Structures are given as C-alpha cells and as structure tokens.
Amino acid sequence: MARCPYLEYESRGAFFSQGDYYCDLCKKKLSEAEIKNKCNVDYGESYTDCPVYKNR
C-alpha cells in the first residue's frame, strides 16, 4: 500500500472512526475519493502525481 507521507488523521471524538484526513502540505481536509484514489491507494504511488506534492 502506498500512502502519502503527508496524509494526516485528526481525531474529532472518542472513537477512532470519528475524524478527518487532511494534507499536511496544503493544510486542507480531503474527501474520501481523494484519499482512496490518490493519497492512500492499494498499489502504485498516485500521490506523487499530486501538484502540491511535486512542488513541496
């Protein structure tokens, strides 16, 4: 599994499932689609195609 090193999780409650993922580079909350298709995929390294990651 290829996970972007800048993908962070911020807990909002007592349970682990209550929280949001955000990008530590661009400081924005990420959608489930962005996480699944770019930031934390089962194969490949799609996060390297992210313009924010390329320009870090």
C-alpha atoms as a PDB file:
ATOM      1  CA  MET A   1       0.000   0.000   0.000  1.00  0.00           C
ATOM      2  CA  ALA A   2       1.367   3.391  -0.974  1.00  0.00           C
ATOM      3  CA  ARG A   3       0.407   6.114   1.471  1.00  0.00           C
ATOM      4  CA  CYS A   4       1.397   9.721   1.039  1.00  0.00           C
ATOM      5  CA  PRO A   5       3.775  10.691   3.869  1.00  0.00           C
ATOM      6  CA  TYR A   6       1.872  13.980   4.280  1.00  0.00           C
ATOM      7  CA  LEU A   7      -1.531  12.345   4.861  1.00  0.00           C
ATOM      8  CA  GLU A   8      -2.537  13.011   8.469  1.00  0.00           C
ATOM      9  CA  TYR A   9      -5.540  11.989  10.558  1.00  0.00           C
ATOM     10  CA  GLU A  10      -7.188  14.353  13.031  1.00  0.00           C
ATOM     11  CA  SER A  11      -9.490  12.726  15.573  1.00  0.00           C
ATOM     12  CA  ARG A  12     -12.687  14.567  16.475  1.00  0.00           C
ATOM     13  CA  GLY A  13     -14.203  12.211  19.022  1.00  0.00           C
ATOM     14  CA  ALA A  14     -13.769   9.388  21.450  1.00  0.00           C
ATOM     15  CA  PHE A  15     -13.805   6.747  18.714  1.00  0.00           C
ATOM     16  CA  PHE A  16     -11.063   6.269  16.108  1.00  0.00           C
ATOM     17  CA  SER A  17     -13.578   6.401  13.259  1.00  0.00           C
ATOM     18  CA  GLN A  18     -14.625   9.946  14.181  1.00  0.00           C
ATOM     19  CA  GLY A  19     -12.209  12.246  12.437  1.00  0.00           C
ATOM     20  CA  ASP A  20     -10.933  13.681   9.212  1.00  0.00           C
ATOM     21  CA  TYR A  21      -7.946  13.170   6.981  1.00  0.00           C
ATOM     22  CA  TYR A  22      -6.038  16.226   5.855  1.00  0.00           C
ATOM     23  CA  CYS A  23      -2.949  17.048   3.830  1.00  0.00           C
ATOM     24  CA  ASP A  24      -0.089  18.347   5.940  1.00  0.00           C
ATOM     25  CA  LEU A  25       1.353  20.138   2.876  1.00  0.00           C
ATOM     26  CA  CYS A  26      -1.687  22.113   1.709  1.00  0.00           C
ATOM     27  CA  LYS A  27      -3.474  22.119   5.108  1.00  0.00           C
ATOM     28  CA  LYS A  28      -6.870  21.142   3.679  1.00  0.00           C
ATOM     29  CA  LYS A  29      -9.401  18.475   4.559  1.00  0.00           C
ATOM     30  CA  LEU A  30      -9.517  15.679   1.997  1.00  0.00           C
ATOM     31  CA  SER A  31     -12.537  13.928   0.557  1.00  0.00           C
ATOM     32  CA  GLU A  32     -12.932  10.158   0.741  1.00  0.00           C
ATOM     33  CA  ALA A  33     -12.409   9.986  -3.041  1.00  0.00           C
ATOM     34  CA  GLU A  34      -9.082  11.866  -2.840  1.00  0.00           C
ATOM     35  CA  ILE A  35      -7.863   9.584  -0.085  1.00  0.00           C
ATOM     36  CA  LYS A  36      -8.934   6.394  -1.863  1.00  0.00           C
ATOM     37  CA  ASN A  37      -7.734   7.379  -5.361  1.00  0.00           C
ATOM     38  CA  LYS A  38      -4.636   9.464  -4.652  1.00  0.00           C
ATOM     39  CA  CYS A  39      -3.342   9.630  -1.088  1.00  0.00           C
ATOM     40  CA  ASN A  40      -3.731   6.072   0.211  1.00  0.00           C
ATOM     41  CA  VAL A  41      -4.059   3.549  -2.620  1.00  0.00           C
ATOM     42  CA  ASP A  42      -3.646  -0.229  -2.639  1.00  0.00           C
ATOM     43  CA  TYR A  43      -0.979  -0.173  -5.349  1.00  0.00           C
ATOM     44  CA  GLY A  44       1.259   2.287  -7.175  1.00  0.00           C
ATOM     45  CA  GLU A  45       2.259   5.716  -5.918  1.00  0.00           C
ATOM     46  CA  SER A  46      -0.501   8.020  -7.165  1.00  0.00           C
ATOM     47  CA  TYR A  47       0.300  10.622  -4.522  1.00  0.00           C
ATOM     48  CA  THR A  48       3.448  11.544  -6.462  1.00  0.00           C
ATOM     49  CA  ASP A  49       1.197  12.936  -9.244  1.00  0.00           C
ATOM     50  CA  CYS A  50      -0.326  15.487  -6.851  1.00  0.00           C
ATOM     51  CA  PRO A  51       0.769  19.029  -7.876  1.00  0.00           C
ATOM     52  CA  VAL A  52       1.152  20.083  -4.226  1.00  0.00           C
ATOM     53  CA  TYR A  53       3.401  17.099  -3.544  1.00  0.00           C
ATOM     54  CA  LYS A  54       5.508  17.793  -6.662  1.00  0.00           C
ATOM     55  CA  ASN A  55       6.025  21.452  -5.673  1.00  0.00           C
ATOM     56  CA  ARG A  56       6.809  20.882  -1.996  1.00  0.00           C
END
